Structures are given as C-alpha cells and as structure tokens.
Amino acid sequence: MEFIDTHAHLYSEEFDSDRFEVVQKSIDSGTTKILLPNIDSNSIVGLKVLVDKFPENCFAMLGLHPCSVQENYLSELSLIESFIADISIKAIGEIGLDLYWDTAFKSQQEDAFLIQCNWANEMKLPIAIHTRNATKETIACLNSLTRQPGGVFHCFGGTLEEANEIIAMGYHLGIGGVLTYKNSSLPSVLAQVDIDSLILETDAPYLSPVPHRGKRNESAYISIIAAKLAEIYQMPIDVIAQKTTNTASRLFNI
C-alpha cells in the first residue's frame, strides 16, 4: 500500500532533533509522498531543505497562512511570490481565513486569500485552504472568483451541508486525525460523502490520531486515518489507500 500525506509541517521546530529520520520512517511505513505547506517567508528555507533532501518524496506548497497575515501582508506576499520562481511547487498553500483567534485582520486575510487564489489560477495550481470559524466567509471569497482553482479544504471538520457545498464547487476534503477522536462528528458526515472526494493528511506535528493524541504527529500515522476510513466505508484498507492516493496524485500532479 502507498499513501500520500497531503499536509504536514515537517520543517517545524518539533522535528529539529530527528527530522530526516521522521521522513524516512514515513517512507518505510508506506507514506511515500508528503506535501509540505508553507506558513510565511520564515518557513521557506526549512521547507526547501526537505524538498532538496528527499526530491522523490517531499513536495512544496508556498503561501501565506491566514494567522500570519498582519499589516505587512502585501510585502510578505511579495517576498513569498519571489521564491516561487526558485522552488518547484505543487500548490499554493496553506492559505485561507482564520477568525478563531482574532478578527482584527479579517479584511487583510480576505485580500491575501484572493491574491493567492489568483496566483493559483495564473499558474494552474490547486490551493490548500485553511479555514477556522470562517467556512461561510471562505466559500464567499471563493465564489467571488471568476474561476475556481480547485484544491482541498485542509483539516475538514464541518457539516454534511458544508461538505456537499465544498465538493460541488470542485474541492476535496482533507481528512486527518480528528476523524479518530471519540466525539468527532466526522465519521457520520463522511459516511454520506463519496470516498473519491477525500484525501488524507496529518497536519503533523498537530492533531495526532488516536492512540497518539496529545503527542507529536508524524506522516507515518496516515495509515491510522486510513484504517478508520476503511471502517466507515466498509472497504479494505488497501482500497482506501489506492483511492485516496490516486485522488491526491491527480490533484497535486505527483
């Protein structure tokens, strides 16, 4: 079985002591491809180290995370854009809206999101969307575009109505460790969604699946999420692996 982790921050400081070992562990476990979403200009160098070290396994996305959007967002976007010519990327991300912590920069987040969606359209790339407490607003921004770039709603945890609306717009749902949590509503939602609309992700080092909840997440744990999907869809795990890997491969052209 082969898996793709479509969202992992393996360049973050939580992996400073064993970063390369964690990637190799993932490869050995069957998660042979890992997509690395950027946060801001400061994370690009570390991301590029992994892409250069594991060119057949680690793939870059570049973008400005909504929680990194502040007064200087236009200069930050310009700096990130300047790196795109030097780094082969598979998507623009992670980008979007986050109104959970603070709404002070809501209009700037929306502007940054739309600017980066237009990058994606110009480059014919998908987008990796971060949305927290802002699904309605995120969908409204996307609907203002003349053309949808397509991509994934990373770390989806919404309702069936939201899932259907997102899928109808041509986007996929990124499913991670939250699926395994005891009180998660995701299993009942996904049971009513076509498996071909889903891709797997860890968001490592965050949101570890059970039984690793509360500890550092790793790309090697993708198989745990796949096993839960196999239970929900009453399919063999190798079929889940094949379907989600094929979907991710097509979406990100890897």
C-alpha atoms as a PDB file:
ATOM      1  CA  MET A   1       0.000   0.000   0.000  1.00  0.00           C
ATOM      2  CA  GLU A   2       1.108   3.512  -0.760  1.00  0.00           C
ATOM      3  CA  PHE A   3      -0.194   6.635   0.956  1.00  0.00           C
ATOM      4  CA  ILE A   4       0.238  10.362   0.397  1.00  0.00           C
ATOM      5  CA  ASP A   5       0.273  12.775   3.332  1.00  0.00           C
ATOM      6  CA  THR A   6      -1.138  15.873   1.674  1.00  0.00           C
ATOM      7  CA  HIS A   7      -0.405  18.261   4.550  1.00  0.00           C
ATOM      8  CA  ALA A   8       2.492  18.115   7.019  1.00  0.00           C
ATOM      9  CA  HIS A   9       4.760  20.738   8.599  1.00  0.00           C
ATOM     10  CA  LEU A  10       7.838  18.566   8.976  1.00  0.00           C
ATOM     11  CA  TYR A  11      10.094  21.626   8.777  1.00  0.00           C
ATOM     12  CA  SER A  12       8.738  22.917  12.125  1.00  0.00           C
ATOM     13  CA  GLU A  13      10.857  23.035  15.281  1.00  0.00           C
ATOM     14  CA  GLU A  14       9.111  19.996  16.762  1.00  0.00           C
ATOM     15  CA  PHE A  15      11.199  17.892  14.355  1.00  0.00           C
ATOM     16  CA  ASP A  16      14.552  19.612  14.871  1.00  0.00           C
ATOM     17  CA  SER A  17      16.083  16.614  16.644  1.00  0.00           C
ATOM     18  CA  ASP A  18      15.063  13.886  14.173  1.00  0.00           C
ATOM     19  CA  ARG A  19      13.604  15.472  11.031  1.00  0.00           C
ATOM     20  CA  PHE A  20      15.254  13.232   8.423  1.00  0.00           C
ATOM     21  CA  GLU A  21      14.556  10.116  10.495  1.00  0.00           C
ATOM     22  CA  VAL A  22      10.855  11.032  10.655  1.00  0.00           C
ATOM     23  CA  VAL A  23      10.700  11.365   6.872  1.00  0.00           C
ATOM     24  CA  GLN A  24      12.470   8.043   6.386  1.00  0.00           C
ATOM     25  CA  LYS A  25      10.143   6.384   8.897  1.00  0.00           C
ATOM     26  CA  SER A  26       7.201   7.689   6.890  1.00  0.00           C
ATOM     27  CA  ILE A  27       8.626   6.347   3.624  1.00  0.00           C
ATOM     28  CA  ASP A  28       9.328   2.960   5.204  1.00  0.00           C
ATOM     29  CA  SER A  29       5.770   2.798   6.567  1.00  0.00           C
ATOM     30  CA  GLY A  30       4.228   3.306   3.116  1.00  0.00           C
ATOM     31  CA  THR A  31       3.555   7.051   3.228  1.00  0.00           C
ATOM     32  CA  THR A  32       5.988   7.684   0.431  1.00  0.00           C
ATOM     33  CA  LYS A  33       4.943  11.205  -0.594  1.00  0.00           C
ATOM     34  CA  ILE A  34       4.495  14.216   1.674  1.00  0.00           C
ATOM     35  CA  LEU A  35       3.226  17.658   0.737  1.00  0.00           C
ATOM     36  CA  LEU A  36       4.682  20.495   2.796  1.00  0.00           C
ATOM     37  CA  PRO A  37       2.537  23.649   3.068  1.00  0.00           C
ATOM     38  CA  ASN A  38       4.270  26.918   3.826  1.00  0.00           C
ATOM     39  CA  ILE A  39       3.311  29.298   6.658  1.00  0.00           C
ATOM     40  CA  ASP A  40       5.220  32.508   5.895  1.00  0.00           C
ATOM     41  CA  SER A  41       8.549  33.655   4.462  1.00  0.00           C
ATOM     42  CA  ASN A  42      10.433  32.391   7.524  1.00  0.00           C
ATOM     43  CA  SER A  43       9.478  28.750   6.941  1.00  0.00           C
ATOM     44  CA  ILE A  44      10.547  28.561   3.304  1.00  0.00           C
ATOM     45  CA  VAL A  45      14.224  27.758   3.929  1.00  0.00           C
ATOM     46  CA  GLY A  46      13.448  24.799   6.189  1.00  0.00           C
ATOM     47  CA  LEU A  47      10.822  23.537   3.778  1.00  0.00           C
ATOM     48  CA  LYS A  48      13.287  23.707   0.890  1.00  0.00           C
ATOM     49  CA  VAL A  49      15.866  21.683   2.851  1.00  0.00           C
ATOM     50  CA  LEU A  50      13.427  18.766   2.993  1.00  0.00           C
ATOM     51  CA  VAL A  51      12.439  19.068  -0.658  1.00  0.00           C
ATOM     52  CA  ASP A  52      16.107  19.070  -1.681  1.00  0.00           C
ATOM     53  CA  LYS A  53      16.984  16.166   0.638  1.00  0.00           C
ATOM     54  CA  PHE A  54      14.016  13.989  -0.453  1.00  0.00           C
ATOM     55  CA  PRO A  55      13.137  15.126  -4.002  1.00  0.00           C
ATOM     56  CA  GLU A  56      11.123  11.975  -4.748  1.00  0.00           C
ATOM     57  CA  ASN A  57       9.164  12.141  -1.511  1.00  0.00           C
ATOM     58  CA  CYS A  58       8.730  15.732  -0.268  1.00  0.00           C
ATOM     59  CA  PHE A  59       6.892  18.347  -2.313  1.00  0.00           C
ATOM     60  CA  ALA A  60       6.434  22.053  -1.657  1.00  0.00           C
ATOM     61  CA  MET A  61       3.471  24.356  -1.426  1.00  0.00           C
ATOM     62  CA  LEU A  62       4.004  28.078  -0.918  1.00  0.00           C
ATOM     63  CA  GLY A  63       1.583  30.563   0.574  1.00  0.00           C
ATOM     64  CA  LEU A  64       0.847  32.891   3.467  1.00  0.00           C
ATOM     65  CA  HIS A  65      -1.123  31.309   6.305  1.00  0.00           C
ATOM     66  CA  PRO A  66      -4.048  33.498   7.434  1.00  0.00           C
ATOM     67  CA  CYS A  67      -2.730  33.610  11.008  1.00  0.00           C
ATOM     68  CA  SER A  68       0.445  35.199   9.598  1.00  0.00           C
ATOM     69  CA  VAL A  69      -1.481  37.988   7.871  1.00  0.00           C
ATOM     70  CA  GLN A  70      -0.754  41.336   9.531  1.00  0.00           C
ATOM     71  CA  GLU A  71      -0.153  44.959   8.497  1.00  0.00           C
ATOM     72  CA  ASN A  72       2.794  43.960   6.302  1.00  0.00           C
ATOM     73  CA  TYR A  73       0.920  41.231   4.418  1.00  0.00           C
ATOM     74  CA  LEU A  74       1.480  42.732   0.976  1.00  0.00           C
ATOM     75  CA  SER A  75       5.264  42.844   1.406  1.00  0.00           C
ATOM     76  CA  GLU A  76       5.159  39.330   2.873  1.00  0.00           C
ATOM     77  CA  LEU A  77       3.189  38.116  -0.131  1.00  0.00           C
ATOM     78  CA  SER A  78       5.683  39.763  -2.458  1.00  0.00           C
ATOM     79  CA  LEU A  79       8.554  38.001  -0.707  1.00  0.00           C
ATOM     80  CA  ILE A  80       6.829  34.613  -0.878  1.00  0.00           C
ATOM     81  CA  GLU A  81       5.987  35.141  -4.540  1.00  0.00           C
ATOM     82  CA  SER A  82       9.658  35.810  -5.277  1.00  0.00           C
ATOM     83  CA  PHE A  83      10.531  32.307  -4.052  1.00  0.00           C
ATOM     84  CA  ILE A  84       8.051  30.625  -6.379  1.00  0.00           C
ATOM     85  CA  ALA A  85      10.381  31.021  -9.358  1.00  0.00           C
ATOM     86  CA  ASP A  86      13.134  29.147  -7.494  1.00  0.00           C
ATOM     87  CA  ILE A  87      11.120  26.322  -5.921  1.00  0.00           C
ATOM     88  CA  SER A  88       9.033  23.823  -7.853  1.00  0.00           C
ATOM     89  CA  ILE A  89       5.667  23.868  -6.096  1.00  0.00           C
ATOM     90  CA  LYS A  90       2.606  21.648  -6.336  1.00  0.00           C
ATOM     91  CA  ALA A  91       0.054  24.037  -4.821  1.00  0.00           C
ATOM     92  CA  ILE A  92      -0.488  27.453  -3.268  1.00  0.00           C
ATOM     93  CA  GLY A  93      -0.926  26.964   0.460  1.00  0.00           C
ATOM     94  CA  GLU A  94      -1.724  26.976   3.067  1.00  0.00           C
ATOM     95  CA  ILE A  95      -3.976  29.956   2.571  1.00  0.00           C
ATOM     96  CA  GLY A  96      -7.438  30.992   3.693  1.00  0.00           C
ATOM     97  CA  LEU A  97      -9.247  32.606   6.604  1.00  0.00           C
ATOM     98  CA  ASP A  98      -8.920  32.096  10.355  1.00  0.00           C
ATOM     99  CA  LEU A  99     -11.331  34.023  12.574  1.00  0.00           C
ATOM    100  CA  TYR A 100     -10.840  31.833  15.645  1.00  0.00           C
ATOM    101  CA  TRP A 101      -8.082  33.738  17.413  1.00  0.00           C
ATOM    102  CA  ASP A 102      -8.576  37.259  16.116  1.00  0.00           C
ATOM    103  CA  THR A 103     -10.748  39.143  13.638  1.00  0.00           C
ATOM    104  CA  ALA A 104      -8.649  42.335  13.583  1.00  0.00           C
ATOM    105  CA  PHE A 105      -7.153  41.474  10.175  1.00  0.00           C
ATOM    106  CA  LYS A 106     -10.253  39.940   8.593  1.00  0.00           C
ATOM    107  CA  SER A 107     -10.244  42.219   5.540  1.00  0.00           C
ATOM    108  CA  GLN A 108      -6.482  41.739   5.067  1.00  0.00           C
ATOM    109  CA  GLN A 109      -6.929  37.956   5.313  1.00  0.00           C
ATOM    110  CA  GLU A 110      -9.616  38.090   2.650  1.00  0.00           C
ATOM    111  CA  ASP A 111      -7.440  40.214   0.372  1.00  0.00           C
ATOM    112  CA  ALA A 112      -4.410  37.955   0.865  1.00  0.00           C
ATOM    113  CA  PHE A 113      -6.543  34.883   0.198  1.00  0.00           C
ATOM    114  CA  LEU A 114      -7.918  36.248  -3.054  1.00  0.00           C
ATOM    115  CA  ILE A 115      -4.497  37.429  -4.239  1.00  0.00           C
ATOM    116  CA  GLN A 116      -3.118  33.921  -3.714  1.00  0.00           C
ATOM    117  CA  CYS A 117      -6.138  32.286  -5.357  1.00  0.00           C
ATOM    118  CA  ASN A 118      -5.350  34.399  -8.400  1.00  0.00           C
ATOM    119  CA  TRP A 119      -1.728  33.187  -8.285  1.00  0.00           C
ATOM    120  CA  ALA A 120      -3.071  29.637  -8.372  1.00  0.00           C
ATOM    121  CA  ASN A 121      -5.287  30.373 -11.336  1.00  0.00           C
ATOM    122  CA  GLU A 122      -2.441  32.038 -13.215  1.00  0.00           C
ATOM    123  CA  MET A 123      -0.108  29.091 -12.532  1.00  0.00           C
ATOM    124  CA  LYS A 124      -2.821  26.447 -12.964  1.00  0.00           C
ATOM    125  CA  LEU A 125      -2.179  25.080  -9.480  1.00  0.00           C
ATOM    126  CA  PRO A 126      -4.585  23.883  -6.772  1.00  0.00           C
ATOM    127  CA  ILE A 127      -4.874  25.597  -3.393  1.00  0.00           C
ATOM    128  CA  ALA A 128      -4.670  24.195   0.136  1.00  0.00           C
ATOM    129  CA  ILE A 129      -7.262  26.065   2.200  1.00  0.00           C
ATOM    130  CA  HIS A 130      -7.093  26.703   5.929  1.00  0.00           C
ATOM    131  CA  THR A 131     -10.428  27.817   7.345  1.00  0.00           C
ATOM    132  CA  ARG A 132     -11.295  28.067  11.020  1.00  0.00           C
ATOM    133  CA  ASN A 133     -14.506  29.677  12.263  1.00  0.00           C
ATOM    134  CA  ALA A 134     -14.763  31.050   8.729  1.00  0.00           C
ATOM    135  CA  THR A 135     -16.205  28.423   6.385  1.00  0.00           C
ATOM    136  CA  LYS A 136     -19.036  30.675   5.225  1.00  0.00           C
ATOM    137  CA  GLU A 137     -16.663  33.577   4.623  1.00  0.00           C
ATOM    138  CA  THR A 138     -14.139  31.350   2.838  1.00  0.00           C
ATOM    139  CA  ILE A 139     -16.771  29.993   0.472  1.00  0.00           C
ATOM    140  CA  ALA A 140     -17.982  33.547  -0.197  1.00  0.00           C
ATOM    141  CA  CYS A 141     -14.443  34.603  -1.144  1.00  0.00           C
ATOM    142  CA  LEU A 142     -14.115  31.642  -3.488  1.00  0.00           C
ATOM    143  CA  ASN A 143     -17.470  32.407  -5.089  1.00  0.00           C
ATOM    144  CA  SER A 144     -16.223  35.908  -5.906  1.00  0.00           C
ATOM    145  CA  LEU A 145     -13.569  34.430  -8.203  1.00  0.00           C
ATOM    146  CA  THR A 146     -14.194  34.221 -11.930  1.00  0.00           C
ATOM    147  CA  ARG A 147     -12.647  30.731 -11.944  1.00  0.00           C
ATOM    148  CA  GLN A 148     -12.112  28.158  -9.206  1.00  0.00           C
ATOM    149  CA  PRO A 149      -8.512  26.926  -8.900  1.00  0.00           C
ATOM    150  CA  GLY A 150      -9.672  23.741  -7.169  1.00  0.00           C
ATOM    151  CA  GLY A 151      -7.814  22.137  -4.313  1.00  0.00           C
ATOM    152  CA  VAL A 152      -8.569  20.994  -0.793  1.00  0.00           C
ATOM    153  CA  PHE A 153     -10.251  22.258   2.341  1.00  0.00           C
ATOM    154  CA  HIS A 154      -7.496  21.202   4.716  1.00  0.00           C
ATOM    155  CA  CYS A 155      -8.496  19.644   8.046  1.00  0.00           C
ATOM    156  CA  PHE A 156     -12.167  19.458   7.167  1.00  0.00           C
ATOM    157  CA  GLY A 157     -14.401  19.106  10.198  1.00  0.00           C
ATOM    158  CA  GLY A 158     -17.682  20.620   9.083  1.00  0.00           C
ATOM    159  CA  THR A 159     -21.242  19.533   8.469  1.00  0.00           C
ATOM    160  CA  LEU A 160     -22.640  17.391   5.672  1.00  0.00           C
ATOM    161  CA  GLU A 161     -24.180  20.519   4.139  1.00  0.00           C
ATOM    162  CA  GLU A 162     -20.767  22.212   4.100  1.00  0.00           C
ATOM    163  CA  ALA A 163     -19.102  19.102   2.703  1.00  0.00           C
ATOM    164  CA  ASN A 164     -21.601  18.899  -0.142  1.00  0.00           C
ATOM    165  CA  GLU A 165     -21.225  22.605  -0.948  1.00  0.00           C
ATOM    166  CA  ILE A 166     -17.423  22.349  -0.979  1.00  0.00           C
ATOM    167  CA  ILE A 167     -17.452  19.259  -3.190  1.00  0.00           C
ATOM    168  CA  ALA A 168     -19.967  20.849  -5.574  1.00  0.00           C
ATOM    169  CA  MET A 169     -17.524  23.746  -6.027  1.00  0.00           C
ATOM    170  CA  GLY A 170     -14.867  21.280  -7.176  1.00  0.00           C
ATOM    171  CA  TYR A 171     -12.824  20.985  -3.985  1.00  0.00           C
ATOM    172  CA  HIS A 172     -11.708  17.983  -1.939  1.00  0.00           C
ATOM    173  CA  LEU A 173     -11.858  17.362   1.794  1.00  0.00           C
ATOM    174  CA  GLY A 174      -8.587  16.864   3.691  1.00  0.00           C
ATOM    175  CA  ILE A 175      -9.154  14.241   6.391  1.00  0.00           C
ATOM    176  CA  GLY A 176      -6.803  13.835   9.339  1.00  0.00           C
ATOM    177  CA  GLY A 177      -6.511  12.627  12.905  1.00  0.00           C
ATOM    178  CA  VAL A 178      -9.703  14.329  14.126  1.00  0.00           C
ATOM    179  CA  LEU A 179     -11.573  11.514  12.372  1.00  0.00           C
ATOM    180  CA  THR A 180     -10.360   9.117  15.090  1.00  0.00           C
ATOM    181  CA  TYR A 181     -11.467  11.226  18.074  1.00  0.00           C
ATOM    182  CA  LYS A 182     -14.201   9.783  20.260  1.00  0.00           C
ATOM    183  CA  ASN A 183     -16.623  12.700  19.990  1.00  0.00           C
ATOM    184  CA  SER A 184     -15.895  13.571  16.364  1.00  0.00           C
ATOM    185  CA  SER A 185     -18.916  14.026  14.103  1.00  0.00           C
ATOM    186  CA  LEU A 186     -16.784  13.365  11.020  1.00  0.00           C
ATOM    187  CA  PRO A 187     -17.493   9.617  10.721  1.00  0.00           C
ATOM    188  CA  SER A 188     -21.231  10.194  10.329  1.00  0.00           C
ATOM    189  CA  VAL A 189     -20.648  13.043   7.858  1.00  0.00           C
ATOM    190  CA  LEU A 190     -18.139  11.163   5.713  1.00  0.00           C
ATOM    191  CA  ALA A 191     -20.326   8.070   5.570  1.00  0.00           C
ATOM    192  CA  GLN A 192     -22.587  10.180   3.325  1.00  0.00           C
ATOM    193  CA  VAL A 193     -19.761  11.543   1.151  1.00  0.00           C
ATOM    194  CA  ASP A 194     -18.139   9.903  -1.871  1.00  0.00           C
ATOM    195  CA  ILE A 195     -14.738   8.445  -0.907  1.00  0.00           C
ATOM    196  CA  ASP A 196     -13.304   9.902  -4.127  1.00  0.00           C
ATOM    197  CA  SER A 197     -13.765  13.397  -2.671  1.00  0.00           C
ATOM    198  CA  LEU A 198     -11.340  12.695   0.181  1.00  0.00           C
ATOM    199  CA  ILE A 199      -7.580  12.929   0.570  1.00  0.00           C
ATOM    200  CA  LEU A 200      -5.516  12.025   3.625  1.00  0.00           C
ATOM    201  CA  GLU A 201      -3.384  14.350   5.726  1.00  0.00           C
ATOM    202  CA  THR A 202      -1.750  14.531   9.138  1.00  0.00           C
ATOM    203  CA  ASP A 203      -1.106  18.253   9.731  1.00  0.00           C
ATOM    204  CA  ALA A 204       1.972  16.990  11.587  1.00  0.00           C
ATOM    205  CA  PRO A 205       3.091  17.848  14.230  1.00  0.00           C
ATOM    206  CA  TYR A 206      -0.515  18.710  15.187  1.00  0.00           C
ATOM    207  CA  LEU A 207      -3.763  16.741  15.605  1.00  0.00           C
ATOM    208  CA  SER A 208      -2.308  13.273  16.142  1.00  0.00           C
ATOM    209  CA  PRO A 209      -4.767  10.425  15.671  1.00  0.00           C
ATOM    210  CA  VAL A 210      -5.740   8.080  18.482  1.00  0.00           C
ATOM    211  CA  PRO A 211      -3.775   6.369  20.077  1.00  0.00           C
ATOM    212  CA  HIS A 212      -1.142   9.111  19.692  1.00  0.00           C
ATOM    213  CA  ARG A 213      -3.448  12.008  20.576  1.00  0.00           C
ATOM    214  CA  GLY A 214      -1.641  14.619  22.649  1.00  0.00           C
ATOM    215  CA  LYS A 215       1.754  13.613  21.275  1.00  0.00           C
ATOM    216  CA  ARG A 216       3.671  14.793  18.215  1.00  0.00           C
ATOM    217  CA  ASN A 217       2.015  13.783  14.983  1.00  0.00           C
ATOM    218  CA  GLU A 218       4.001  12.202  12.137  1.00  0.00           C
ATOM    219  CA  SER A 219       3.357  11.369   8.489  1.00  0.00           C
ATOM    220  CA  ALA A 220       3.753   7.672   9.285  1.00  0.00           C
ATOM    221  CA  TYR A 221       0.402   7.833  11.101  1.00  0.00           C
ATOM    222  CA  ILE A 222      -1.571   8.256   7.873  1.00  0.00           C
ATOM    223  CA  SER A 223      -2.379   4.544   7.912  1.00  0.00           C
ATOM    224  CA  ILE A 224      -4.302   5.019  11.182  1.00  0.00           C
ATOM    225  CA  ILE A 225      -6.590   7.551   9.490  1.00  0.00           C
ATOM    226  CA  ALA A 226      -6.967   5.223   6.504  1.00  0.00           C
ATOM    227  CA  ALA A 227      -7.932   2.363   8.813  1.00  0.00           C
ATOM    228  CA  LYS A 228     -10.742   4.471  10.292  1.00  0.00           C
ATOM    229  CA  LEU A 229     -11.983   5.311   6.800  1.00  0.00           C
ATOM    230  CA  ALA A 230     -11.910   1.602   5.931  1.00  0.00           C
ATOM    231  CA  GLU A 231     -14.199   1.014   8.904  1.00  0.00           C
ATOM    232  CA  ILE A 232     -16.576   3.822   7.893  1.00  0.00           C
ATOM    233  CA  TYR A 233     -16.816   2.800   4.226  1.00  0.00           C
ATOM    234  CA  GLN A 234     -16.646  -0.943   4.861  1.00  0.00           C
ATOM    235  CA  MET A 235     -13.773  -1.236   2.397  1.00  0.00           C
ATOM    236  CA  PRO A 236     -10.391  -2.977   2.703  1.00  0.00           C
ATOM    237  CA  ILE A 237      -7.682  -0.556   3.754  1.00  0.00           C
ATOM    238  CA  ASP A 238      -5.732  -1.233   0.568  1.00  0.00           C
ATOM    239  CA  VAL A 239      -8.716   0.057  -1.434  1.00  0.00           C
ATOM    240  CA  ILE A 240      -8.816   3.196   0.746  1.00  0.00           C
ATOM    241  CA  ALA A 241      -5.082   3.624   0.120  1.00  0.00           C
ATOM    242  CA  GLN A 242      -5.480   3.229  -3.630  1.00  0.00           C
ATOM    243  CA  LYS A 243      -8.437   5.596  -3.917  1.00  0.00           C
ATOM    244  CA  THR A 244      -7.063   8.409  -1.739  1.00  0.00           C
ATOM    245  CA  THR A 245      -3.586   8.120  -3.250  1.00  0.00           C
ATOM    246  CA  ASN A 246      -4.952   8.268  -6.783  1.00  0.00           C
ATOM    247  CA  THR A 247      -7.066  11.312  -5.914  1.00  0.00           C
ATOM    248  CA  ALA A 248      -4.131  13.136  -4.304  1.00  0.00           C
ATOM    249  CA  SER A 249      -1.834  12.223  -7.177  1.00  0.00           C
ATOM    250  CA  ARG A 250      -4.218  13.740  -9.696  1.00  0.00           C
ATOM    251  CA  LEU A 251      -4.945  16.824  -7.627  1.00  0.00           C
ATOM    252  CA  PHE A 252      -1.305  17.737  -6.974  1.00  0.00           C
ATOM    253  CA  ASN A 253       0.215  16.208 -10.119  1.00  0.00           C
ATOM    254  CA  ILE A 254       2.659  13.963  -8.255  1.00  0.00           C
END
